[in-house]
Amino acid sequence: MNRLPVLVSPYGPYAGLALHVHDLTIRGHHTETLHAADRAEAITLTLGDHRTHRVSRLGRMYALSALGRLDEALRIAEDLIADQSVLGGPKATDAKILADTAEVLIHLGRIDDGLHYVARALALLDVAPRKGLRYFSAMASLAEAARGADLFELADDAMRRSLESFESPDELYRSAAELTQTELWVEWALRLEQVGRTEEAASLIDKSTTVLQFWIEQGIDSPLGTAVLAVCHAKTGRIAEGLAIVGELLSKMRAAGQHHEARLLHLAHGLALRATGQWRAAAREFRAALELSVLRSQRLLFQYELAVTAVHEFPGETTQALLESLRSHVEALWQLRLDRRTMLRQAYRRVELEAARTTADLAATSDALTGLGNRRMFDRRINTAVAGGSLLLIDVDHFKDINDRYSHGIGDRVLGEIAAVLRAHCRHNEVAIRFGGDEFALFLSTGEEEARQIAERIRRVIQARDWSTIVPGLRVTLSMGLAACRPGEPGRELYDRADAHLYVAKRSGRNQLAAA
């Protein structure tokens, strides 16, 4: 199959299929998301659009996480990370996948692993372009991962930076981000209230109410945002308004299987009933919310509300002791946040050190003139060549004459131009190398037939280039030798075969490709 000269889209030519999956996720229709992902993935696999397939898989992972199917979500996350080594992609896209994986790991209780992925995502986002949809989406994912680890300050900062990445963001994305941020603020407020920081909690509830009312007045269709607003109303004494939202939405959300929204509505209902002294009814709502909880942090929140309600309904030493015990547990977990912040700083430092080592290794295996791999890189790759790949050796025809006639400076420019053409013809997992003078090599991940097409394309590009723009009269051509790697073949034999074909090309008049 011939490769395309340029990519149609970083997300693939059929991105609309995956964007529909994500739109359903944003709106909280998680069961529908899974059905849409089934269709999108079947179509994109048939059409060979692997990038759009990956984006659809991301949407599936979000839906599975929201439905509490974390083991399935983690399997998709691990597959997506493995795909990065094959498909590559912009730094922000890779950071998003790392942050999404971190969130799943954290919810599964694998905090150390999750924070390591958060650190890797942070390191990538530090050097990624800070404008546009990719950065916006990656920061939103980072916020969710940080929120899962109770790192509310980092989550809030990430949401702020995601919103700042657009000068005038699309209304759907901006509203989704701001509504997500209000849910973050409300959860943060509830946790602050549990540890006695009531003034800070009230401030966050007030901010959330303002943002939520703005978007609902704009006509945004968001059951999640409306459910969060019901919680805010219940917390600020606007009981009738909160109950009105619950009455309108709760049965619909439960019938539609939108448990996230239903859980929040049960919380709002319980808070409103407790505020009016209806202890038993309030406890019933908190238990209903508890039954819909899929994460440990969610269950703890409703267990705490049940304990507070029990103290009101059955005052006495037993219920008070239960509440105090639970409050001590909540305070201990709150203090764990400090440990996690330290763990994240340490993980980030490890990522920095790994990046420094990688940079040093890259410098040691790079050619200073062209930026391609050098002889050390060639020796590494030739010893790990596998069947299904090919080795292309390239010589610049009459390169000594170019140096002698035009100068070594012109010769260096020629080598740089050739290196750029070779680099442009490399896939993500392919390597171009200059391993001496005018000698180049290209490790291709294709069989001989496609490798021939690539080699001929490179040769024609070099031959057709207007070299007179560098110096009048300059002409550059290439001789090439190609060999496909055989099963079990040692690297030395692969090189010898490619070199023998290169010799044939040069003996046959140069400016040509020789292969088996």
Protein backbone atom coordinates (compact mmCIF):
# COMPACT_ATOMS: atom_id res chain seq x y z
CA MET A 1 0.00 0.00 0.00
CA ASN A 2 1.35 3.46 -0.87
CA ARG A 3 1.64 5.82 2.06
CA LEU A 4 -0.04 9.22 1.88
CA PRO A 5 2.28 12.20 1.32
CA VAL A 6 0.62 14.10 4.18
CA LEU A 7 -1.77 13.23 6.99
CA VAL A 8 -5.34 14.34 6.35
CA SER A 9 -5.89 15.08 10.06
CA PRO A 10 -4.05 14.40 13.32
CA TYR A 11 -7.22 12.56 14.36
CA GLY A 12 -7.70 10.71 11.07
CA PRO A 13 -9.88 11.43 8.01
CA TYR A 14 -13.08 10.09 9.61
CA ALA A 15 -12.81 12.07 12.85
CA GLY A 16 -16.53 12.89 12.85
CA LEU A 17 -17.33 9.32 13.92
CA ALA A 18 -15.17 9.61 17.04
CA LEU A 19 -16.29 13.16 17.81
CA HIS A 20 -19.89 11.89 17.99
CA VAL A 21 -18.73 9.34 20.58
CA HIS A 22 -17.10 12.11 22.61
CA ASP A 23 -20.13 14.39 22.30
CA LEU A 24 -22.29 11.67 23.90
CA THR A 25 -19.72 11.28 26.68
CA ILE A 26 -19.64 15.01 27.35
CA ARG A 27 -23.43 14.99 27.68
CA GLY A 28 -23.32 12.07 30.12
CA HIS A 29 -25.03 9.51 27.84
CA HIS A 30 -22.57 6.75 28.70
CA THR A 31 -24.56 3.70 27.58
CA GLU A 32 -25.25 5.37 24.22
CA THR A 33 -21.55 6.19 24.05
CA LEU A 34 -20.65 2.50 24.12
CA HIS A 35 -23.06 1.72 21.27
CA ALA A 36 -21.72 4.63 19.20
CA ALA A 37 -18.14 3.50 19.90
CA ASP A 38 -19.00 -0.01 18.65
CA ARG A 39 -20.13 1.46 15.33
CA ALA A 40 -17.27 3.97 15.03
CA GLU A 41 -14.55 1.42 15.78
CA ALA A 42 -15.95 -1.15 13.35
CA ILE A 43 -16.07 1.44 10.55
CA THR A 44 -12.64 2.99 11.22
CA LEU A 45 -10.94 -0.41 11.43
CA THR A 46 -12.51 -1.41 8.11
CA LEU A 47 -11.34 1.85 6.52
CA GLY A 48 -7.87 1.63 8.08
CA ASP A 49 -8.25 4.94 9.95
CA HIS A 50 -6.30 3.97 13.06
CA ARG A 51 -6.04 7.51 14.48
CA THR A 52 -9.80 8.04 14.54
CA HIS A 53 -10.14 4.52 15.94
CA ARG A 54 -7.87 5.55 18.82
CA VAL A 55 -9.96 8.67 19.54
CA SER A 56 -13.12 6.56 19.62
CA ARG A 57 -11.44 4.15 22.03
CA LEU A 58 -10.74 7.12 24.30
CA GLY A 59 -14.45 7.95 24.35
CA ARG A 60 -15.25 4.33 25.17
CA MET A 61 -12.77 4.46 28.05
CA TYR A 62 -14.46 7.56 29.51
CA ALA A 63 -17.86 5.90 29.37
CA LEU A 64 -16.58 2.71 31.00
CA SER A 65 -14.96 4.75 33.78
CA ALA A 66 -18.17 6.68 34.40
CA LEU A 67 -20.07 3.38 34.59
CA GLY A 68 -17.59 1.99 37.12
CA ARG A 69 -16.16 -0.63 34.74
CA LEU A 70 -12.63 0.36 35.66
CA ASP A 71 -10.81 -2.86 34.76
CA GLU A 72 -12.15 -2.63 31.21
CA ALA A 73 -11.24 1.05 31.07
CA LEU A 74 -7.69 0.28 32.19
CA ARG A 75 -7.23 -2.34 29.47
CA ILE A 76 -8.16 0.25 26.85
CA ALA A 77 -5.82 2.80 28.47
CA GLU A 78 -2.90 0.37 28.34
CA ASP A 79 -3.66 -0.41 24.68
CA LEU A 80 -3.72 3.30 23.87
CA ILE A 81 -0.36 3.88 25.53
CA ALA A 82 1.09 0.96 23.57
CA ASP A 83 -0.33 2.53 20.39
CA GLN A 84 1.61 5.72 21.07
CA SER A 85 4.88 3.99 20.15
CA VAL A 86 3.38 3.06 16.77
CA LEU A 87 1.15 6.00 15.89
CA GLY A 88 2.95 8.81 17.67
CA GLY A 89 1.08 12.08 17.84
CA PRO A 90 1.21 15.62 19.19
CA LYS A 91 2.60 15.98 22.73
CA ALA A 92 -0.74 17.21 24.09
CA THR A 93 -2.54 14.15 22.67
CA ASP A 94 -0.01 11.80 24.26
CA ALA A 95 -0.31 13.74 27.54
CA LYS A 96 -4.08 13.34 27.44
CA ILE A 97 -3.81 9.55 27.11
CA LEU A 98 -1.35 9.45 30.03
CA ALA A 99 -3.66 11.60 32.19
CA ASP A 100 -6.69 9.47 31.33
CA THR A 101 -4.75 6.34 32.29
CA ALA A 102 -3.66 8.01 35.53
CA GLU A 103 -7.28 8.70 36.45
CA VAL A 104 -8.27 5.06 35.99
CA LEU A 105 -5.26 3.82 37.99
CA ILE A 106 -6.04 6.23 40.84
CA HIS A 107 -9.67 5.12 40.99
CA LEU A 108 -8.45 1.52 41.14
CA GLY A 109 -6.34 2.43 44.18
CA ARG A 110 -2.99 2.25 42.37
CA ILE A 111 -2.00 5.72 43.55
CA ASP A 112 1.77 5.46 42.97
CA ASP A 113 1.31 4.31 39.37
CA GLY A 114 -1.36 6.94 38.78
CA LEU A 115 0.79 9.79 40.08
CA HIS A 116 3.68 8.64 37.89
CA TYR A 117 1.43 8.96 34.83
CA VAL A 118 0.25 12.38 36.06
CA ALA A 119 3.90 13.46 36.27
CA ARG A 120 4.58 12.20 32.74
CA ALA A 121 1.55 14.09 31.45
CA LEU A 122 2.68 17.28 33.23
CA ALA A 123 6.15 17.00 31.71
CA LEU A 124 4.71 16.70 28.20
CA LEU A 125 2.28 19.58 28.71
CA ASP A 126 5.13 21.80 29.92
CA VAL A 127 6.60 21.69 26.40
CA ALA A 128 3.38 21.35 24.36
CA PRO A 129 1.80 24.30 22.48
CA ARG A 130 -0.58 25.98 24.94
CA LYS A 131 -3.35 26.89 22.53
CA GLY A 132 -6.03 24.88 20.80
CA LEU A 133 -8.31 21.91 21.31
CA ARG A 134 -5.58 19.34 22.00
CA TYR A 135 -4.14 21.31 24.93
CA PHE A 136 -7.66 22.12 26.17
CA SER A 137 -8.62 18.46 26.18
CA ALA A 138 -5.34 17.27 27.74
CA MET A 139 -5.63 19.75 30.59
CA ALA A 140 -9.22 18.68 31.23
CA SER A 141 -8.03 15.07 31.51
CA LEU A 142 -5.20 16.11 33.83
CA ALA A 143 -7.75 17.88 36.03
CA GLU A 144 -9.86 14.72 36.32
CA ALA A 145 -6.81 12.64 37.28
CA ALA A 146 -5.75 15.19 39.91
CA ARG A 147 -9.29 15.32 41.26
CA GLY A 148 -9.30 11.55 41.62
CA ALA A 149 -6.22 11.84 43.84
CA ASP A 150 -7.84 14.65 45.91
CA LEU A 151 -5.30 17.12 44.50
CA PHE A 152 -8.00 19.75 44.12
CA GLU A 153 -5.63 22.69 43.73
CA LEU A 154 -3.85 21.05 40.79
CA ALA A 155 -7.19 20.04 39.27
CA ASP A 156 -8.53 23.59 39.54
CA ASP A 157 -5.36 25.03 37.99
CA ALA A 158 -5.52 22.53 35.12
CA MET A 159 -9.16 23.46 34.38
CA ARG A 160 -8.22 27.15 34.41
CA ARG A 161 -5.39 26.54 31.96
CA SER A 162 -7.63 24.45 29.71
CA LEU A 163 -10.10 27.33 29.45
CA GLU A 164 -7.28 29.82 28.80
CA SER A 165 -6.09 27.72 25.86
CA PHE A 166 -8.87 29.20 23.72
CA GLU A 167 -9.22 32.88 22.96
CA SER A 168 -12.87 32.25 22.13
CA PRO A 169 -13.63 28.55 22.76
CA ASP A 170 -16.46 26.68 21.11
CA GLU A 171 -19.55 26.97 23.31
CA LEU A 172 -19.95 23.19 23.70
CA TYR A 173 -16.38 22.73 24.93
CA ARG A 174 -16.33 25.83 27.08
CA SER A 175 -19.62 24.95 28.76
CA ALA A 176 -18.51 21.34 29.30
CA ALA A 177 -15.25 22.52 30.87
CA GLU A 178 -16.89 25.10 33.14
CA LEU A 179 -19.60 22.68 34.23
CA THR A 180 -16.95 20.09 35.01
CA GLN A 181 -15.08 22.72 37.01
CA THR A 182 -18.21 23.49 39.05
CA GLU A 183 -18.60 19.80 39.89
CA LEU A 184 -14.95 19.85 41.01
CA TRP A 185 -15.65 22.91 43.20
CA VAL A 186 -18.72 21.30 44.78
CA GLU A 187 -16.85 18.09 45.60
CA TRP A 188 -13.99 20.17 47.00
CA ALA A 189 -16.47 22.16 49.07
CA LEU A 190 -18.07 19.03 50.52
CA ARG A 191 -14.66 17.70 51.50
CA LEU A 192 -13.65 21.05 53.05
CA GLU A 193 -16.88 21.09 55.02
CA GLN A 194 -16.11 17.63 56.41
CA VAL A 195 -12.79 18.88 57.84
CA GLY A 196 -14.32 22.04 59.32
CA ARG A 197 -13.26 24.61 56.69
CA THR A 198 -16.79 25.88 56.19
CA GLU A 199 -16.02 29.40 54.92
CA GLU A 200 -13.88 28.09 52.06
CA ALA A 201 -16.56 25.54 51.28
CA ALA A 202 -19.28 28.21 51.13
CA SER A 203 -17.18 30.34 48.77
CA LEU A 204 -16.77 27.44 46.34
CA ILE A 205 -20.51 26.69 46.43
CA ASP A 206 -21.29 30.34 45.64
CA LYS A 207 -18.86 30.34 42.68
CA SER A 208 -20.38 27.14 41.37
CA THR A 209 -23.92 28.50 41.61
CA THR A 210 -23.01 31.60 39.60
CA VAL A 211 -21.40 29.64 36.75
CA LEU A 212 -24.13 27.00 36.64
CA GLN A 213 -26.95 29.54 36.52
CA PHE A 214 -25.21 31.37 33.67
CA TRP A 215 -24.99 28.29 31.47
CA ILE A 216 -28.48 27.06 32.24
CA GLU A 217 -29.80 30.50 31.32
CA GLN A 218 -27.91 30.16 28.01
CA GLY A 219 -29.99 27.05 27.28
CA ILE A 220 -27.18 24.49 27.58
CA ASP A 221 -28.60 20.95 27.71
CA SER A 222 -26.62 19.47 30.60
CA PRO A 223 -28.36 17.18 33.07
CA LEU A 224 -25.05 17.01 34.96
CA GLY A 225 -24.85 20.78 35.35
CA THR A 226 -28.48 20.94 36.48
CA ALA A 227 -27.90 18.17 39.04
CA VAL A 228 -24.85 20.00 40.44
CA LEU A 229 -26.96 23.17 40.69
CA ALA A 230 -29.54 21.23 42.71
CA VAL A 231 -26.80 20.34 45.20
CA CYS A 232 -25.75 24.00 45.39
CA HIS A 233 -29.36 25.07 46.05
CA ALA A 234 -29.67 22.51 48.84
CA LYS A 235 -26.42 23.73 50.42
CA THR A 236 -27.42 27.41 50.28
CA GLY A 237 -30.95 27.05 51.66
CA ARG A 238 -32.81 27.41 48.35
CA ILE A 239 -34.71 24.25 49.18
CA ALA A 240 -37.73 24.72 46.93
CA GLU A 241 -35.56 25.32 43.85
CA GLY A 242 -33.43 22.30 44.62
CA LEU A 243 -36.46 20.07 45.13
CA ALA A 244 -37.99 21.32 41.88
CA ILE A 245 -34.90 20.18 39.93
CA VAL A 246 -34.94 16.81 41.73
CA GLY A 247 -38.62 16.31 40.97
CA GLU A 248 -38.12 17.09 37.30
CA LEU A 249 -34.93 15.10 36.64
CA LEU A 250 -34.34 12.29 39.12
CA SER A 251 -36.71 9.66 37.71
CA LYS A 252 -35.60 10.51 34.14
CA MET A 253 -31.92 10.08 35.00
CA ARG A 254 -32.50 6.76 36.73
CA ALA A 255 -34.62 5.48 33.84
CA ALA A 256 -31.93 6.54 31.34
CA GLY A 257 -29.20 4.81 33.34
CA GLN A 258 -27.36 8.12 33.92
CA HIS A 259 -26.22 7.16 37.40
CA HIS A 260 -23.73 9.99 37.78
CA GLU A 261 -26.46 12.62 37.51
CA ALA A 262 -28.91 10.49 39.53
CA ARG A 263 -26.37 10.14 42.32
CA LEU A 264 -25.97 13.92 42.57
CA LEU A 265 -29.75 14.41 42.52
CA HIS A 266 -30.17 11.92 45.39
CA LEU A 267 -27.50 13.89 47.28
CA ALA A 268 -29.34 17.16 46.65
CA HIS A 269 -32.63 15.59 47.71
CA GLY A 270 -31.11 14.20 50.90
CA LEU A 271 -29.51 17.54 51.82
CA ALA A 272 -32.80 19.39 51.20
CA LEU A 273 -34.82 16.89 53.26
CA ARG A 274 -32.33 16.99 56.11
CA ALA A 275 -32.41 20.80 56.12
CA THR A 276 -36.18 20.59 56.74
CA GLY A 277 -35.86 18.00 59.51
CA GLN A 278 -36.98 14.96 57.52
CA TRP A 279 -34.21 12.71 58.82
CA ARG A 280 -35.53 9.33 57.73
CA ALA A 281 -36.37 10.48 54.21
CA ALA A 282 -32.98 12.16 53.94
CA ALA A 283 -31.21 8.94 54.97
CA ARG A 284 -33.16 7.07 52.32
CA GLU A 285 -31.85 9.44 49.62
CA PHE A 286 -28.24 9.17 50.84
CA ARG A 287 -28.51 5.37 50.79
CA ALA A 288 -29.87 5.53 47.23
CA ALA A 289 -26.87 7.68 46.24
CA LEU A 290 -24.55 5.23 48.00
CA GLU A 291 -25.98 2.35 45.97
CA LEU A 292 -25.17 4.23 42.75
CA SER A 293 -21.60 5.01 43.80
CA VAL A 294 -18.82 3.38 41.82
CA LEU A 295 -15.76 4.95 43.46
CA ARG A 296 -14.51 4.72 47.04
CA SER A 297 -14.36 8.51 47.37
CA GLN A 298 -18.03 8.73 46.39
CA ARG A 299 -19.05 6.05 48.88
CA LEU A 300 -17.18 7.80 51.69
CA LEU A 301 -18.98 11.05 50.94
CA PHE A 302 -22.42 9.47 51.29
CA GLN A 303 -21.42 7.39 54.31
CA TYR A 304 -20.44 10.64 56.01
CA GLU A 305 -23.77 12.26 55.16
CA LEU A 306 -25.58 9.20 56.52
CA ALA A 307 -23.62 9.46 59.79
CA VAL A 308 -24.48 13.16 60.15
CA THR A 309 -28.13 12.37 59.49
CA ALA A 310 -28.11 9.52 62.04
CA VAL A 311 -26.88 11.92 64.75
CA HIS A 312 -29.92 14.12 64.07
CA GLU A 313 -32.39 11.24 63.86
CA PHE A 314 -31.03 9.18 66.76
CA PRO A 315 -29.09 11.55 69.04
CA GLY A 316 -26.90 9.78 71.55
CA GLU A 317 -23.45 8.48 72.34
CA THR A 318 -23.52 5.66 69.80
CA THR A 319 -24.31 7.74 66.74
CA GLN A 320 -22.01 10.54 67.93
CA ALA A 321 -19.14 8.09 68.38
CA LEU A 322 -19.77 6.70 64.90
CA LEU A 323 -19.66 10.20 63.41
CA GLU A 324 -16.48 11.11 65.30
CA SER A 325 -14.81 7.91 64.12
CA LEU A 326 -15.76 8.61 60.53
CA ARG A 327 -14.68 12.24 60.87
CA SER A 328 -11.25 11.12 62.10
CA HIS A 329 -10.96 8.86 59.08
CA VAL A 330 -11.94 11.70 56.74
CA GLU A 331 -9.38 14.04 58.34
CA ALA A 332 -6.65 11.40 58.00
CA LEU A 333 -7.49 10.99 54.32
CA TRP A 334 -7.39 14.76 53.90
CA GLN A 335 -3.89 14.82 55.36
CA LEU A 336 -2.87 12.12 52.87
CA ARG A 337 -3.25 14.81 50.21
CA LEU A 338 -0.01 16.34 51.47
CA ASP A 339 1.77 13.02 51.03
CA ARG A 340 0.40 12.71 47.52
CA ARG A 341 1.64 16.18 46.63
CA THR A 342 5.10 15.13 47.78
CA MET A 343 4.82 11.87 45.82
CA LEU A 344 3.83 13.81 42.70
CA ARG A 345 6.81 16.17 43.03
CA GLN A 346 9.12 13.15 43.40
CA ALA A 347 7.53 11.41 40.40
CA TYR A 348 7.91 14.58 38.32
CA ARG A 349 11.58 14.77 39.26
CA ARG A 350 12.07 11.16 38.17
CA VAL A 351 10.40 11.94 34.84
CA GLU A 352 12.75 14.92 34.40
CA LEU A 353 15.78 12.72 35.07
CA GLU A 354 14.51 10.09 32.63
CA ALA A 355 14.05 12.80 29.99
CA ALA A 356 17.58 14.10 30.65
CA ARG A 357 19.00 10.61 30.19
CA THR A 358 17.01 10.17 26.99
CA THR A 359 18.30 13.51 25.70
CA ALA A 360 21.87 12.54 26.52
CA ASP A 361 21.41 9.18 24.80
CA LEU A 362 19.92 10.90 21.75
CA ALA A 363 22.90 13.25 21.57
CA ALA A 364 25.28 10.28 21.73
CA THR A 365 23.47 8.55 18.86
CA SER A 366 22.87 11.60 16.61
CA ASP A 367 24.93 12.94 13.73
CA ALA A 368 25.94 16.52 14.54
CA LEU A 369 25.69 17.78 10.94
CA THR A 370 22.32 16.35 9.85
CA GLY A 371 20.53 15.45 13.09
CA LEU A 372 19.99 11.91 11.81
CA GLY A 373 21.14 8.84 13.69
CA ASN A 374 24.89 8.13 13.65
CA ARG A 375 27.02 5.00 13.40
CA ARG A 376 26.27 4.07 17.01
CA MET A 377 22.53 4.20 16.25
CA PHE A 378 23.13 2.14 13.09
CA ASP A 379 24.89 -0.58 15.09
CA ARG A 380 21.97 -0.71 17.53
CA ARG A 381 19.32 -0.96 14.83
CA ILE A 382 21.12 -3.46 12.61
CA ASN A 383 21.39 -5.86 15.54
CA THR A 384 17.64 -5.65 16.26
CA ALA A 385 16.32 -5.83 12.68
CA VAL A 386 13.38 -8.22 12.33
CA ALA A 387 11.67 -10.01 9.48
CA GLY A 388 9.15 -7.81 7.68
CA GLY A 389 11.46 -4.80 7.66
CA SER A 390 13.99 -3.60 5.10
CA LEU A 391 17.36 -1.86 5.02
CA LEU A 392 18.09 0.78 2.40
CA LEU A 393 21.71 1.91 1.92
CA ILE A 394 22.34 5.16 0.06
CA ASP A 395 25.44 6.83 -1.40
CA VAL A 396 25.60 10.33 -2.86
CA ASP A 397 26.96 9.99 -6.37
CA HIS A 398 30.32 11.71 -6.99
CA PHE A 399 30.16 13.47 -3.63
CA LYS A 400 33.96 13.97 -3.54
CA ASP A 401 33.70 15.93 -6.80
CA ILE A 402 31.02 18.16 -5.24
CA ASN A 403 33.30 18.95 -2.30
CA ASP A 404 36.32 19.54 -4.54
CA ARG A 405 34.49 21.68 -7.10
CA TYR A 406 32.15 23.71 -4.88
CA SER A 407 33.64 23.51 -1.34
CA HIS A 408 32.96 21.44 1.75
CA GLY A 409 30.38 24.01 2.87
CA ILE A 410 28.28 23.25 -0.21
CA GLY A 411 28.80 19.54 0.41
CA ASP A 412 27.46 19.95 3.94
CA ARG A 413 24.38 21.73 2.62
CA VAL A 414 23.77 18.87 0.18
CA LEU A 415 23.99 16.35 3.01
CA GLY A 416 21.55 18.41 5.06
CA GLU A 417 19.03 18.56 2.21
CA ILE A 418 19.25 14.81 1.65
CA ALA A 419 18.81 14.20 5.40
CA ALA A 420 15.62 16.27 5.38
CA VAL A 421 14.17 14.20 2.54
CA LEU A 422 15.04 10.94 4.30
CA ARG A 423 13.52 12.14 7.57
CA ALA A 424 10.30 13.12 5.76
CA HIS A 425 9.94 9.58 4.45
CA CYS A 426 10.27 7.94 7.89
CA ARG A 427 7.29 6.65 9.80
CA HIS A 428 7.23 7.03 13.57
CA ASN A 429 9.14 3.80 14.20
CA GLU A 430 11.57 4.10 11.27
CA VAL A 431 15.06 5.57 11.44
CA ALA A 432 17.26 7.48 8.99
CA ILE A 433 21.01 7.38 9.62
CA ARG A 434 24.18 9.01 8.32
CA PHE A 435 26.93 6.63 9.23
CA GLY A 436 29.88 8.12 7.39
CA GLY A 437 30.74 10.82 4.83
CA ASP A 438 28.16 10.59 2.08
CA GLU A 439 26.71 7.26 3.25
CA PHE A 440 23.16 7.01 4.56
CA ALA A 441 20.91 4.20 5.72
CA LEU A 442 17.16 3.92 6.18
CA PHE A 443 15.57 1.26 8.39
CA LEU A 444 12.06 0.73 7.03
CA SER A 445 9.24 -1.20 8.71
CA THR A 446 7.89 -2.49 5.37
CA GLY A 447 8.55 -5.43 3.09
CA GLU A 448 10.58 -5.21 -0.10
CA GLU A 449 7.80 -4.16 -2.49
CA GLU A 450 6.76 -1.07 -0.53
CA ALA A 451 10.38 -0.34 0.40
CA ARG A 452 11.20 -0.20 -3.35
CA GLN A 453 8.47 2.40 -3.85
CA ILE A 454 9.77 4.50 -0.99
CA ALA A 455 13.36 4.27 -2.24
CA GLU A 456 12.39 5.26 -5.79
CA ARG A 457 10.36 8.16 -4.46
CA ILE A 458 13.36 9.43 -2.48
CA ARG A 459 15.66 9.01 -5.49
CA ARG A 460 13.30 10.93 -7.78
CA VAL A 461 12.83 13.74 -5.23
CA ILE A 462 16.58 14.24 -4.98
CA GLN A 463 17.09 14.06 -8.75
CA ALA A 464 14.25 16.51 -9.46
CA ARG A 465 15.28 19.10 -6.88
CA ASP A 466 16.56 22.40 -8.28
CA TRP A 467 20.06 22.26 -6.83
CA SER A 468 21.08 25.42 -8.70
CA THR A 469 19.40 27.42 -5.92
CA ILE A 470 22.37 26.37 -3.76
CA VAL A 471 25.01 26.91 -6.43
CA PRO A 472 24.70 27.16 -10.25
CA GLY A 473 25.55 23.94 -12.04
CA LEU A 474 25.12 21.65 -9.02
CA ARG A 475 23.52 18.28 -9.70
CA VAL A 476 22.89 15.57 -7.08
CA THR A 477 21.80 11.95 -7.56
CA LEU A 478 21.74 8.86 -5.35
CA SER A 479 22.71 5.22 -5.70
CA MET A 480 20.80 2.77 -3.53
CA GLY A 481 20.95 -0.82 -2.36
CA LEU A 482 17.93 -2.49 -0.78
CA ALA A 483 17.56 -5.74 1.17
CA ALA A 484 14.52 -7.13 3.02
CA CYS A 485 15.25 -8.79 6.36
CA ARG A 486 14.78 -12.55 6.37
CA PRO A 487 13.50 -14.55 9.38
CA GLY A 488 16.35 -15.24 11.79
CA GLU A 489 18.90 -13.41 9.64
CA PRO A 490 21.81 -11.80 11.54
CA GLY A 491 22.15 -8.05 11.11
CA ARG A 492 25.58 -8.40 9.54
CA GLU A 493 24.19 -10.55 6.72
CA LEU A 494 21.35 -8.09 6.09
CA TYR A 495 23.91 -5.30 5.79
CA ASP A 496 26.14 -7.33 3.46
CA ARG A 497 23.24 -8.03 1.09
CA ALA A 498 22.14 -4.38 1.00
CA ASP A 499 25.76 -3.28 0.49
CA ALA A 500 26.20 -5.77 -2.39
CA HIS A 501 23.10 -4.32 -4.07
CA LEU A 502 24.47 -0.80 -3.56
CA TYR A 503 27.68 -1.87 -5.29
CA VAL A 504 25.61 -3.17 -8.23
CA ALA A 505 23.79 0.17 -8.49
CA LYS A 506 27.06 2.09 -8.60
CA ARG A 507 28.67 -0.28 -11.10
CA SER A 508 25.58 -0.05 -13.33
CA GLY A 509 25.88 3.69 -13.87
CA ARG A 510 24.70 5.20 -10.54
CA ASN A 511 21.46 7.18 -9.93
CA GLN A 512 19.45 3.99 -9.50
CA LEU A 513 18.16 1.41 -7.02
CA ALA A 514 19.36 -2.17 -6.95
CA ALA A 515 17.59 -4.91 -5.00
CA ALA A 516 17.06 -8.67 -5.13
